[in-house]
Amino acid sequence: MNDSEELAEKYHKLFQDYTRIKAQHAVLKKAVLKEQTENAAIQAALKEKEQEVRKSLQDLDLLSFHNQRLTKRIENLQSQAAATGGSWLLGGASVKKELEKSQTVLEAATIDLQAKIEENEKLHQQLYEINALYPRHVTELQGKIQALEKQNQELQVDVERAGVANEDTITLIRKEKEAVDKELSTTRDALAG
């Protein structure tokens, strides 16, 4: 084999590698976009759940306040009944029912709040895991960029070595180099975007 045939074979291999890397790049780009979309959705869900938790906490505080107020009212009515020597005042039974109703509502709100807190913790964990994966994807893309830059440099060196030995081979090499340059630019744009 002469030099131009060896060079053409080498460039054919490089072109195959370039095609394989280009396909991998497309897959990685889709994966990064998917991760970004999932990350945004989880963050939105997390904000919504945090708002629900805050609202539930406010409801719980309000119910606790009403519960305390009703408890004091019952204690006052019981002390008045004891002081007069009678049994419950006429309104005492309704106050007791109201207190029991408030306690039931308070218990239900506490259970609901606990469930929302647990769900919020799960969302925080998912967000943490996604944020841990994202830098890894960026690192992989940067590695691909470095590999493409190295191939680009190798092609440039080979073009310079070939000189004017074979114009057809040089034209092919330049086209492949331009394709690698374009892919490198596209990959950088994808990483920046």
N, C-alpha and C. Protein backbone atom coordinates (compact mmCIF):
# COMPACT_ATOMS: atom_id res chain seq x y z
N MET A 1 0.83 -1.18 0.00
CA MET A 1 0.00 0.00 0.00
C MET A 1 0.87 1.24 0.00
N ASN A 2 0.45 2.23 -0.75
CA ASN A 2 1.22 3.47 -0.72
C ASN A 2 0.63 4.39 0.34
N ASP A 3 1.25 5.54 0.50
CA ASP A 3 0.85 6.47 1.56
C ASP A 3 -0.59 6.96 1.41
N SER A 4 -0.99 7.24 0.18
CA SER A 4 -2.34 7.77 -0.01
C SER A 4 -3.39 6.72 0.33
N GLU A 5 -3.14 5.44 0.03
CA GLU A 5 -4.09 4.39 0.38
C GLU A 5 -4.16 4.22 1.90
N GLU A 6 -3.00 4.26 2.55
CA GLU A 6 -2.99 4.16 4.02
C GLU A 6 -3.73 5.33 4.64
N LEU A 7 -3.48 6.51 4.07
CA LEU A 7 -4.14 7.72 4.57
C LEU A 7 -5.65 7.62 4.36
N ALA A 8 -6.06 7.15 3.19
CA ALA A 8 -7.49 7.01 2.90
C ALA A 8 -8.11 5.99 3.85
N GLU A 9 -7.42 4.89 4.14
CA GLU A 9 -7.93 3.88 5.06
C GLU A 9 -8.05 4.46 6.48
N LYS A 10 -7.04 5.20 6.86
CA LYS A 10 -7.06 5.83 8.19
C LYS A 10 -8.23 6.80 8.31
N TYR A 11 -8.46 7.57 7.28
CA TYR A 11 -9.55 8.52 7.32
C TYR A 11 -10.90 7.83 7.25
N HIS A 12 -10.95 6.74 6.57
CA HIS A 12 -12.19 5.97 6.56
C HIS A 12 -12.53 5.48 7.97
N LYS A 13 -11.51 5.00 8.69
CA LYS A 13 -11.71 4.58 10.09
C LYS A 13 -12.13 5.77 10.95
N LEU A 14 -11.44 6.90 10.77
CA LEU A 14 -11.78 8.09 11.54
C LEU A 14 -13.21 8.53 11.25
N PHE A 15 -13.62 8.44 9.99
CA PHE A 15 -14.98 8.83 9.63
C PHE A 15 -15.99 7.90 10.30
N GLN A 16 -15.70 6.61 10.37
CA GLN A 16 -16.58 5.66 11.05
C GLN A 16 -16.66 6.00 12.55
N ASP A 17 -15.51 6.31 13.14
CA ASP A 17 -15.51 6.70 14.56
C ASP A 17 -16.32 7.98 14.76
N TYR A 18 -16.15 8.91 13.84
CA TYR A 18 -16.88 10.16 13.91
C TYR A 18 -18.39 9.90 13.84
N THR A 19 -18.82 9.03 12.94
CA THR A 19 -20.24 8.71 12.80
C THR A 19 -20.77 8.07 14.09
N ARG A 20 -19.98 7.16 14.66
CA ARG A 20 -20.39 6.52 15.91
C ARG A 20 -20.50 7.56 17.04
N ILE A 21 -19.53 8.44 17.13
CA ILE A 21 -19.54 9.47 18.19
C ILE A 21 -20.72 10.42 17.98
N LYS A 22 -21.01 10.74 16.74
CA LYS A 22 -22.14 11.62 16.44
C LYS A 22 -23.45 10.99 16.91
N ALA A 23 -23.61 9.71 16.67
CA ALA A 23 -24.82 9.00 17.11
C ALA A 23 -24.88 8.99 18.64
N GLN A 24 -23.75 8.74 19.29
CA GLN A 24 -23.73 8.75 20.76
C GLN A 24 -24.06 10.13 21.29
N HIS A 25 -23.57 11.15 20.62
CA HIS A 25 -23.83 12.52 21.04
C HIS A 25 -25.33 12.82 21.02
N ALA A 26 -26.00 12.39 19.96
CA ALA A 26 -27.44 12.62 19.85
C ALA A 26 -28.18 11.95 21.01
N VAL A 27 -27.78 10.74 21.34
CA VAL A 27 -28.42 10.02 22.45
C VAL A 27 -28.16 10.75 23.77
N LEU A 28 -26.92 11.17 23.98
CA LEU A 28 -26.59 11.89 25.22
C LEU A 28 -27.34 13.20 25.31
N LYS A 29 -27.47 13.90 24.19
CA LYS A 29 -28.19 15.17 24.20
C LYS A 29 -29.66 14.96 24.58
N LYS A 30 -30.27 13.91 24.02
CA LYS A 30 -31.66 13.60 24.37
C LYS A 30 -31.78 13.27 25.86
N ALA A 31 -30.81 12.53 26.38
CA ALA A 31 -30.85 12.15 27.80
C ALA A 31 -30.73 13.38 28.68
N VAL A 32 -29.85 14.31 28.32
CA VAL A 32 -29.69 15.53 29.12
C VAL A 32 -30.97 16.35 29.08
N LEU A 33 -31.58 16.48 27.91
CA LEU A 33 -32.83 17.23 27.81
C LEU A 33 -33.93 16.58 28.63
N LYS A 34 -33.98 15.25 28.59
CA LYS A 34 -34.99 14.53 29.37
C LYS A 34 -34.78 14.77 30.86
N GLU A 35 -33.52 14.70 31.30
CA GLU A 35 -33.21 14.93 32.72
C GLU A 35 -33.58 16.35 33.13
N GLN A 36 -33.32 17.31 32.25
CA GLN A 36 -33.66 18.70 32.57
C GLN A 36 -35.18 18.86 32.69
N THR A 37 -35.91 18.22 31.80
CA THR A 37 -37.37 18.29 31.84
C THR A 37 -37.90 17.66 33.12
N GLU A 38 -37.39 16.47 33.46
CA GLU A 38 -37.82 15.80 34.69
C GLU A 38 -37.46 16.63 35.92
N ASN A 39 -36.29 17.22 35.90
CA ASN A 39 -35.84 18.05 37.01
C ASN A 39 -36.80 19.23 37.21
N ALA A 40 -37.17 19.89 36.11
CA ALA A 40 -38.09 21.02 36.19
C ALA A 40 -39.46 20.58 36.72
N ALA A 41 -39.93 19.42 36.26
CA ALA A 41 -41.23 18.92 36.71
C ALA A 41 -41.20 18.59 38.20
N ILE A 42 -40.13 17.98 38.66
CA ILE A 42 -40.02 17.63 40.07
C ILE A 42 -39.92 18.89 40.92
N GLN A 43 -39.19 19.88 40.44
CA GLN A 43 -39.08 21.13 41.20
C GLN A 43 -40.45 21.81 41.30
N ALA A 44 -41.22 21.80 40.22
CA ALA A 44 -42.55 22.40 40.25
C ALA A 44 -43.45 21.63 41.22
N ALA A 45 -43.39 20.30 41.17
CA ALA A 45 -44.18 19.49 42.10
C ALA A 45 -43.76 19.73 43.53
N LEU A 46 -42.47 19.89 43.75
CA LEU A 46 -41.95 20.15 45.09
C LEU A 46 -42.48 21.47 45.62
N LYS A 47 -42.48 22.51 44.79
CA LYS A 47 -43.01 23.82 45.22
C LYS A 47 -44.48 23.71 45.57
N GLU A 48 -45.22 22.96 44.74
CA GLU A 48 -46.65 22.78 45.00
C GLU A 48 -46.87 22.05 46.32
N LYS A 49 -46.10 21.00 46.56
CA LYS A 49 -46.25 20.24 47.80
C LYS A 49 -45.85 21.08 49.01
N GLU A 50 -44.82 21.92 48.85
CA GLU A 50 -44.42 22.79 49.96
C GLU A 50 -45.54 23.78 50.29
N GLN A 51 -46.21 24.28 49.25
CA GLN A 51 -47.34 25.18 49.49
C GLN A 51 -48.47 24.44 50.22
N GLU A 52 -48.73 23.20 49.82
CA GLU A 52 -49.75 22.40 50.49
C GLU A 52 -49.39 22.16 51.95
N VAL A 53 -48.11 21.88 52.20
CA VAL A 53 -47.66 21.65 53.58
C VAL A 53 -47.84 22.92 54.41
N ARG A 54 -47.46 24.07 53.83
CA ARG A 54 -47.63 25.34 54.56
C ARG A 54 -49.10 25.58 54.88
N LYS A 55 -49.97 25.33 53.88
CA LYS A 55 -51.41 25.52 54.11
C LYS A 55 -51.91 24.57 55.19
N SER A 56 -51.46 23.33 55.14
CA SER A 56 -51.87 22.36 56.15
C SER A 56 -51.38 22.76 57.54
N LEU A 57 -50.16 23.27 57.60
CA LEU A 57 -49.65 23.75 58.90
C LEU A 57 -50.49 24.91 59.42
N GLN A 58 -50.90 25.82 58.54
CA GLN A 58 -51.75 26.93 58.96
C GLN A 58 -53.10 26.40 59.45
N ASP A 59 -53.66 25.43 58.71
CA ASP A 59 -54.93 24.83 59.14
C ASP A 59 -54.78 24.15 60.50
N LEU A 60 -53.67 23.45 60.67
CA LEU A 60 -53.41 22.77 61.94
C LEU A 60 -53.30 23.77 63.08
N ASP A 61 -52.58 24.87 62.84
CA ASP A 61 -52.47 25.90 63.87
C ASP A 61 -53.84 26.49 64.22
N LEU A 62 -54.65 26.74 63.20
CA LEU A 62 -55.98 27.29 63.44
C LEU A 62 -56.84 26.31 64.23
N LEU A 63 -56.80 25.03 63.85
CA LEU A 63 -57.58 24.03 64.59
C LEU A 63 -57.08 23.88 66.03
N SER A 64 -55.76 23.95 66.22
CA SER A 64 -55.22 23.88 67.59
C SER A 64 -55.71 25.05 68.41
N PHE A 65 -55.72 26.24 67.81
CA PHE A 65 -56.20 27.43 68.51
C PHE A 65 -57.66 27.27 68.93
N HIS A 66 -58.49 26.81 67.98
CA HIS A 66 -59.92 26.61 68.31
C HIS A 66 -60.09 25.53 69.37
N ASN A 67 -59.29 24.49 69.28
CA ASN A 67 -59.36 23.41 70.26
C ASN A 67 -59.03 23.94 71.67
N GLN A 68 -57.99 24.75 71.76
CA GLN A 68 -57.62 25.33 73.07
C GLN A 68 -58.72 26.25 73.59
N ARG A 69 -59.29 27.05 72.69
CA ARG A 69 -60.37 27.96 73.10
C ARG A 69 -61.57 27.18 73.63
N LEU A 70 -61.93 26.10 72.93
CA LEU A 70 -63.07 25.30 73.36
C LEU A 70 -62.76 24.57 74.68
N THR A 71 -61.53 24.12 74.85
CA THR A 71 -61.16 23.46 76.09
C THR A 71 -61.29 24.42 77.27
N LYS A 72 -60.85 25.65 77.10
CA LYS A 72 -60.98 26.66 78.16
C LYS A 72 -62.45 26.96 78.45
N ARG A 73 -63.24 27.00 77.40
CA ARG A 73 -64.67 27.27 77.58
C ARG A 73 -65.33 26.14 78.38
N ILE A 74 -64.97 24.90 78.07
CA ILE A 74 -65.53 23.76 78.81
C ILE A 74 -65.09 23.82 80.28
N GLU A 75 -63.82 24.13 80.50
CA GLU A 75 -63.32 24.22 81.88
C GLU A 75 -64.07 25.31 82.65
N ASN A 76 -64.35 26.45 82.00
CA ASN A 76 -65.10 27.52 82.66
C ASN A 76 -66.52 27.07 82.98
N LEU A 77 -67.15 26.39 82.03
CA LEU A 77 -68.52 25.92 82.26
C LEU A 77 -68.56 24.86 83.38
N GLN A 78 -67.54 24.00 83.41
CA GLN A 78 -67.51 22.98 84.48
C GLN A 78 -67.30 23.63 85.85
N SER A 79 -66.44 24.64 85.88
CA SER A 79 -66.21 25.31 87.17
C SER A 79 -67.44 26.08 87.62
N GLN A 80 -68.19 26.68 86.64
CA GLN A 80 -69.44 27.37 87.00
C GLN A 80 -70.48 26.38 87.51
N ALA A 81 -70.56 25.22 86.87
CA ALA A 81 -71.52 24.21 87.30
C ALA A 81 -71.17 23.69 88.69
N ALA A 82 -69.88 23.50 88.95
CA ALA A 82 -69.47 23.02 90.26
C ALA A 82 -69.75 24.07 91.33
N ALA A 83 -69.58 25.34 90.99
CA ALA A 83 -69.80 26.42 91.96
C ALA A 83 -71.27 26.56 92.29
N THR A 84 -72.15 26.32 91.34
CA THR A 84 -73.58 26.45 91.59
C THR A 84 -74.18 25.16 92.12
N GLY A 85 -73.37 24.10 92.15
CA GLY A 85 -73.85 22.83 92.69
C GLY A 85 -74.68 22.05 91.71
N GLY A 86 -74.86 22.53 90.51
CA GLY A 86 -75.67 21.82 89.52
C GLY A 86 -74.79 20.99 88.59
N SER A 87 -75.46 20.36 87.69
CA SER A 87 -74.72 19.60 86.68
C SER A 87 -74.39 20.53 85.51
N TRP A 88 -74.13 19.94 84.41
CA TRP A 88 -73.76 20.73 83.23
C TRP A 88 -74.80 21.80 82.93
N LEU A 89 -74.31 22.94 82.47
CA LEU A 89 -75.25 23.97 82.02
C LEU A 89 -75.91 23.50 80.74
N LEU A 90 -76.95 24.16 80.36
CA LEU A 90 -77.68 23.72 79.18
C LEU A 90 -76.80 23.69 77.92
N GLY A 91 -75.92 24.65 77.80
CA GLY A 91 -75.06 24.72 76.62
C GLY A 91 -73.85 23.80 76.73
N GLY A 92 -73.60 23.18 77.85
CA GLY A 92 -72.41 22.37 78.06
C GLY A 92 -72.33 21.16 77.15
N ALA A 93 -73.44 20.53 76.88
CA ALA A 93 -73.44 19.34 76.04
C ALA A 93 -73.06 19.70 74.61
N SER A 94 -73.57 20.82 74.14
CA SER A 94 -73.24 21.21 72.76
C SER A 94 -71.77 21.61 72.65
N VAL A 95 -71.23 22.21 73.69
CA VAL A 95 -69.81 22.59 73.70
C VAL A 95 -68.95 21.34 73.67
N LYS A 96 -69.37 20.32 74.43
CA LYS A 96 -68.61 19.08 74.47
C LYS A 96 -68.62 18.41 73.09
N LYS A 97 -69.78 18.41 72.42
CA LYS A 97 -69.87 17.84 71.08
C LYS A 97 -69.00 18.62 70.11
N GLU A 98 -69.01 19.93 70.25
CA GLU A 98 -68.19 20.79 69.38
C GLU A 98 -66.70 20.51 69.60
N LEU A 99 -66.33 20.30 70.85
CA LEU A 99 -64.94 20.00 71.17
C LEU A 99 -64.54 18.64 70.58
N GLU A 100 -65.40 17.65 70.70
CA GLU A 100 -65.09 16.34 70.14
C GLU A 100 -64.96 16.41 68.61
N LYS A 101 -65.84 17.20 67.98
CA LYS A 101 -65.77 17.39 66.54
C LYS A 101 -64.45 18.06 66.15
N SER A 102 -64.05 19.07 66.90
CA SER A 102 -62.79 19.78 66.62
C SER A 102 -61.59 18.84 66.79
N GLN A 103 -61.65 17.99 67.81
CA GLN A 103 -60.55 17.06 68.02
C GLN A 103 -60.45 16.06 66.86
N THR A 104 -61.58 15.60 66.36
CA THR A 104 -61.59 14.68 65.22
C THR A 104 -60.99 15.35 63.98
N VAL A 105 -61.42 16.58 63.73
CA VAL A 105 -60.89 17.33 62.58
C VAL A 105 -59.39 17.56 62.74
N LEU A 106 -58.97 17.87 63.97
CA LEU A 106 -57.55 18.10 64.25
C LEU A 106 -56.73 16.83 64.01
N GLU A 107 -57.22 15.69 64.44
CA GLU A 107 -56.53 14.43 64.21
C GLU A 107 -56.42 14.11 62.72
N ALA A 108 -57.49 14.35 61.97
CA ALA A 108 -57.47 14.11 60.52
C ALA A 108 -56.47 15.04 59.83
N ALA A 109 -56.44 16.30 60.26
CA ALA A 109 -55.49 17.25 59.67
C ALA A 109 -54.05 16.86 60.00
N THR A 110 -53.82 16.34 61.20
CA THR A 110 -52.48 15.91 61.59
C THR A 110 -52.01 14.73 60.72
N ILE A 111 -52.90 13.78 60.47
CA ILE A 111 -52.56 12.63 59.63
C ILE A 111 -52.27 13.09 58.20
N ASP A 112 -53.11 13.99 57.68
CA ASP A 112 -52.91 14.53 56.33
C ASP A 112 -51.59 15.29 56.23
N LEU A 113 -51.28 16.07 57.25
CA LEU A 113 -50.04 16.83 57.26
C LEU A 113 -48.83 15.89 57.27
N GLN A 114 -48.90 14.83 58.05
CA GLN A 114 -47.79 13.88 58.12
C GLN A 114 -47.56 13.23 56.76
N ALA A 115 -48.65 12.88 56.06
CA ALA A 115 -48.53 12.27 54.73
C ALA A 115 -47.89 13.26 53.75
N LYS A 116 -48.26 14.52 53.82
CA LYS A 116 -47.69 15.53 52.93
C LYS A 116 -46.22 15.77 53.24
N ILE A 117 -45.87 15.73 54.49
CA ILE A 117 -44.46 15.90 54.88
C ILE A 117 -43.62 14.75 54.31
N GLU A 118 -44.13 13.52 54.41
CA GLU A 118 -43.41 12.36 53.87
C GLU A 118 -43.27 12.47 52.35
N GLU A 119 -44.34 12.90 51.68
CA GLU A 119 -44.28 13.05 50.22
C GLU A 119 -43.27 14.14 49.84
N ASN A 120 -43.24 15.20 50.61
CA ASN A 120 -42.29 16.29 50.38
C ASN A 120 -40.85 15.80 50.52
N GLU A 121 -40.61 14.95 51.52
CA GLU A 121 -39.27 14.40 51.72
C GLU A 121 -38.86 13.53 50.53
N LYS A 122 -39.81 12.75 49.99
CA LYS A 122 -39.53 11.92 48.82
C LYS A 122 -39.17 12.79 47.62
N LEU A 123 -39.91 13.88 47.42
CA LEU A 123 -39.61 14.78 46.31
C LEU A 123 -38.24 15.43 46.47
N HIS A 124 -37.89 15.80 47.69
CA HIS A 124 -36.56 16.35 47.94
C HIS A 124 -35.48 15.34 47.58
N GLN A 125 -35.70 14.07 47.93
CA GLN A 125 -34.73 13.02 47.62
C GLN A 125 -34.58 12.84 46.11
N GLN A 126 -35.70 12.82 45.38
CA GLN A 126 -35.65 12.69 43.93
C GLN A 126 -34.91 13.85 43.30
N LEU A 127 -35.18 15.06 43.77
CA LEU A 127 -34.50 16.24 43.25
C LEU A 127 -33.01 16.17 43.51
N TYR A 128 -32.62 15.70 44.68
CA TYR A 128 -31.20 15.55 45.01
C TYR A 128 -30.54 14.57 44.06
N GLU A 129 -31.20 13.44 43.80
CA GLU A 129 -30.63 12.43 42.91
C GLU A 129 -30.48 12.96 41.49
N ILE A 130 -31.46 13.70 41.01
CA ILE A 130 -31.38 14.27 39.66
C ILE A 130 -30.26 15.29 39.59
N ASN A 131 -30.13 16.12 40.62
CA ASN A 131 -29.05 17.11 40.64
C ASN A 131 -27.69 16.44 40.71
N ALA A 132 -27.62 15.24 41.26
CA ALA A 132 -26.35 14.52 41.31
C ALA A 132 -26.01 13.94 39.93
N LEU A 133 -27.02 13.53 39.15
CA LEU A 133 -26.79 12.94 37.83
C LEU A 133 -26.44 13.98 36.78
N TYR A 134 -27.00 15.16 36.87
CA TYR A 134 -26.81 16.18 35.85
C TYR A 134 -25.35 16.53 35.62
N PRO A 135 -24.54 16.79 36.66
CA PRO A 135 -23.12 17.09 36.42
C PRO A 135 -22.38 15.94 35.73
N ARG A 136 -22.77 14.70 36.02
CA ARG A 136 -22.15 13.55 35.38
C ARG A 136 -22.40 13.59 33.87
N HIS A 137 -23.62 13.94 33.46
CA HIS A 137 -23.93 14.04 32.04
C HIS A 137 -23.11 15.15 31.40
N VAL A 138 -22.98 16.27 32.08
CA VAL A 138 -22.20 17.38 31.54
C VAL A 138 -20.74 16.95 31.38
N THR A 139 -20.22 16.22 32.36
CA THR A 139 -18.84 15.74 32.28
C THR A 139 -18.65 14.80 31.09
N GLU A 140 -19.63 13.92 30.86
CA GLU A 140 -19.55 13.01 29.73
C GLU A 140 -19.53 13.79 28.41
N LEU A 141 -20.39 14.81 28.29
CA LEU A 141 -20.40 15.61 27.08
C LEU A 141 -19.08 16.35 26.89
N GLN A 142 -18.51 16.84 27.98
CA GLN A 142 -17.23 17.52 27.88
C GLN A 142 -16.14 16.55 27.44
N GLY A 143 -16.21 15.31 27.90
CA GLY A 143 -15.27 14.29 27.46
C GLY A 143 -15.41 14.03 25.96
N LYS A 144 -16.63 13.98 25.48
CA LYS A 144 -16.87 13.79 24.04
C LYS A 144 -16.29 14.96 23.26
N ILE A 145 -16.47 16.17 23.79
CA ILE A 145 -15.92 17.35 23.12
C ILE A 145 -14.40 17.25 23.04
N GLN A 146 -13.77 16.83 24.11
CA GLN A 146 -12.32 16.70 24.10
C GLN A 146 -11.87 15.65 23.08
N ALA A 147 -12.62 14.55 22.99
CA ALA A 147 -12.27 13.51 22.02
C ALA A 147 -12.41 14.05 20.59
N LEU A 148 -13.48 14.81 20.35
CA LEU A 148 -13.68 15.39 19.02
C LEU A 148 -12.58 16.41 18.71
N GLU A 149 -12.19 17.20 19.70
CA GLU A 149 -11.11 18.17 19.49
C GLU A 149 -9.80 17.45 19.17
N LYS A 150 -9.55 16.34 19.86
CA LYS A 150 -8.32 15.58 19.59
C LYS A 150 -8.34 15.02 18.17
N GLN A 151 -9.49 14.46 17.76
CA GLN A 151 -9.61 13.95 16.40
C GLN A 151 -9.41 15.07 15.38
N ASN A 152 -9.96 16.23 15.71
CA ASN A 152 -9.80 17.38 14.84
C ASN A 152 -8.33 17.75 14.67
N GLN A 153 -7.61 17.76 15.77
CA GLN A 153 -6.19 18.08 15.72
C GLN A 153 -5.42 17.03 14.93
N GLU A 154 -5.76 15.75 15.13
CA GLU A 154 -5.08 14.68 14.39
C GLU A 154 -5.34 14.82 12.89
N LEU A 155 -6.57 15.15 12.53
CA LEU A 155 -6.88 15.34 11.12
C LEU A 155 -6.10 16.51 10.54
N GLN A 156 -5.99 17.57 11.31
CA GLN A 156 -5.24 18.75 10.85
C GLN A 156 -3.77 18.38 10.61
N VAL A 157 -3.18 17.62 11.54
CA VAL A 157 -1.79 17.20 11.39
C VAL A 157 -1.63 16.33 10.15
N ASP A 158 -2.58 15.40 9.96
CA ASP A 158 -2.51 14.53 8.79
C ASP A 158 -2.65 15.31 7.49
N VAL A 159 -3.50 16.32 7.49
CA VAL A 159 -3.65 17.15 6.29
C VAL A 159 -2.34 17.87 5.99
N GLU A 160 -1.71 18.39 7.01
CA GLU A 160 -0.45 19.10 6.81
C GLU A 160 0.64 18.15 6.31
N ARG A 161 0.64 16.92 6.81
CA ARG A 161 1.64 15.93 6.38
C ARG A 161 1.43 15.50 4.93
N ALA A 162 0.18 15.38 4.58
CA ALA A 162 -0.12 14.88 3.24
C ALA A 162 0.34 15.85 2.16
N GLY A 163 0.34 17.14 2.50
CA GLY A 163 0.78 18.13 1.53
C GLY A 163 -0.06 18.09 0.28
N VAL A 164 0.60 18.01 -0.84
CA VAL A 164 -0.10 18.00 -2.11
C VAL A 164 0.01 16.64 -2.79
N ALA A 165 0.31 15.61 -2.02
CA ALA A 165 0.54 14.29 -2.59
C ALA A 165 -0.68 13.79 -3.36
N ASN A 166 -1.83 13.99 -2.79
CA ASN A 166 -3.01 13.48 -3.47
C ASN A 166 -4.16 14.46 -3.21
N GLU A 167 -4.54 15.23 -4.21
CA GLU A 167 -5.55 16.27 -4.04
C GLU A 167 -6.91 15.68 -3.64
N ASP A 168 -7.26 14.52 -4.17
CA ASP A 168 -8.53 13.90 -3.83
C ASP A 168 -8.56 13.52 -2.35
N THR A 169 -7.48 12.94 -1.86
CA THR A 169 -7.39 12.55 -0.45
C THR A 169 -7.45 13.78 0.45
N ILE A 170 -6.74 14.81 0.04
CA ILE A 170 -6.72 16.05 0.84
C ILE A 170 -8.13 16.65 0.90
N THR A 171 -8.82 16.65 -0.22
CA THR A 171 -10.18 17.19 -0.24
C THR A 171 -11.08 16.38 0.70
N LEU A 172 -10.95 15.06 0.65
CA LEU A 172 -11.72 14.19 1.54
C LEU A 172 -11.39 14.48 3.00
N ILE A 173 -10.10 14.63 3.27
CA ILE A 173 -9.67 14.90 4.65
C ILE A 173 -10.25 16.23 5.13
N ARG A 174 -10.20 17.23 4.26
CA ARG A 174 -10.73 18.56 4.64
C ARG A 174 -12.23 18.50 4.90
N LYS A 175 -12.93 17.74 4.08
CA LYS A 175 -14.38 17.60 4.30
C LYS A 175 -14.65 16.93 5.65
N GLU A 176 -13.89 15.88 5.94
CA GLU A 176 -14.07 15.19 7.22
C GLU A 176 -13.72 16.12 8.38
N LYS A 177 -12.67 16.91 8.20
CA LYS A 177 -12.27 17.85 9.24
C LYS A 177 -13.36 18.89 9.46
N GLU A 178 -13.95 19.38 8.38
CA GLU A 178 -15.04 20.35 8.48
C GLU A 178 -16.24 19.71 9.20
N ALA A 179 -16.51 18.45 8.90
CA ALA A 179 -17.62 17.76 9.56
C ALA A 179 -17.35 17.63 11.06
N VAL A 180 -16.09 17.29 11.40
CA VAL A 180 -15.74 17.19 12.82
C VAL A 180 -15.83 18.56 13.49
N ASP A 181 -15.36 19.62 12.78
CA ASP A 181 -15.46 20.98 13.32
C ASP A 181 -16.92 21.35 13.58
N LYS A 182 -17.78 21.02 12.63
CA LYS A 182 -19.21 21.34 12.77
C LYS A 182 -19.81 20.57 13.95
N GLU A 183 -19.49 19.29 14.07
CA GLU A 183 -20.00 18.48 15.18
C GLU A 183 -19.49 19.01 16.51
N LEU A 184 -18.21 19.43 16.52
CA LEU A 184 -17.63 20.00 17.74
C LEU A 184 -18.39 21.25 18.14
N SER A 185 -18.69 22.10 17.16
CA SER A 185 -19.42 23.33 17.43
C SER A 185 -20.81 23.02 17.93
N THR A 186 -21.48 22.05 17.29
CA THR A 186 -22.83 21.66 17.70
C THR A 186 -22.82 21.09 19.13
N THR A 187 -21.83 20.28 19.44
CA THR A 187 -21.74 19.70 20.78
C THR A 187 -21.51 20.80 21.82
N ARG A 188 -20.62 21.74 21.48
CA ARG A 188 -20.39 22.86 22.42
C ARG A 188 -21.65 23.67 22.62
N ASP A 189 -22.38 23.93 21.53
CA ASP A 189 -23.63 24.68 21.63
C ASP A 189 -24.64 23.93 22.49
N ALA A 190 -24.70 22.61 22.30
CA ALA A 190 -25.64 21.79 23.09
C ALA A 190 -25.27 21.84 24.56
N LEU A 191 -23.99 21.82 24.85
CA LEU A 191 -23.56 21.87 26.26
C LEU A 191 -23.85 23.25 26.84
N ALA A 192 -23.64 24.29 26.05
CA ALA A 192 -23.88 25.65 26.54
C ALA A 192 -25.38 25.90 26.68
N GLY A 193 -26.18 25.28 25.82
CA GLY A 193 -27.64 25.53 25.80
C GLY A 193 -28.28 24.72 26.83
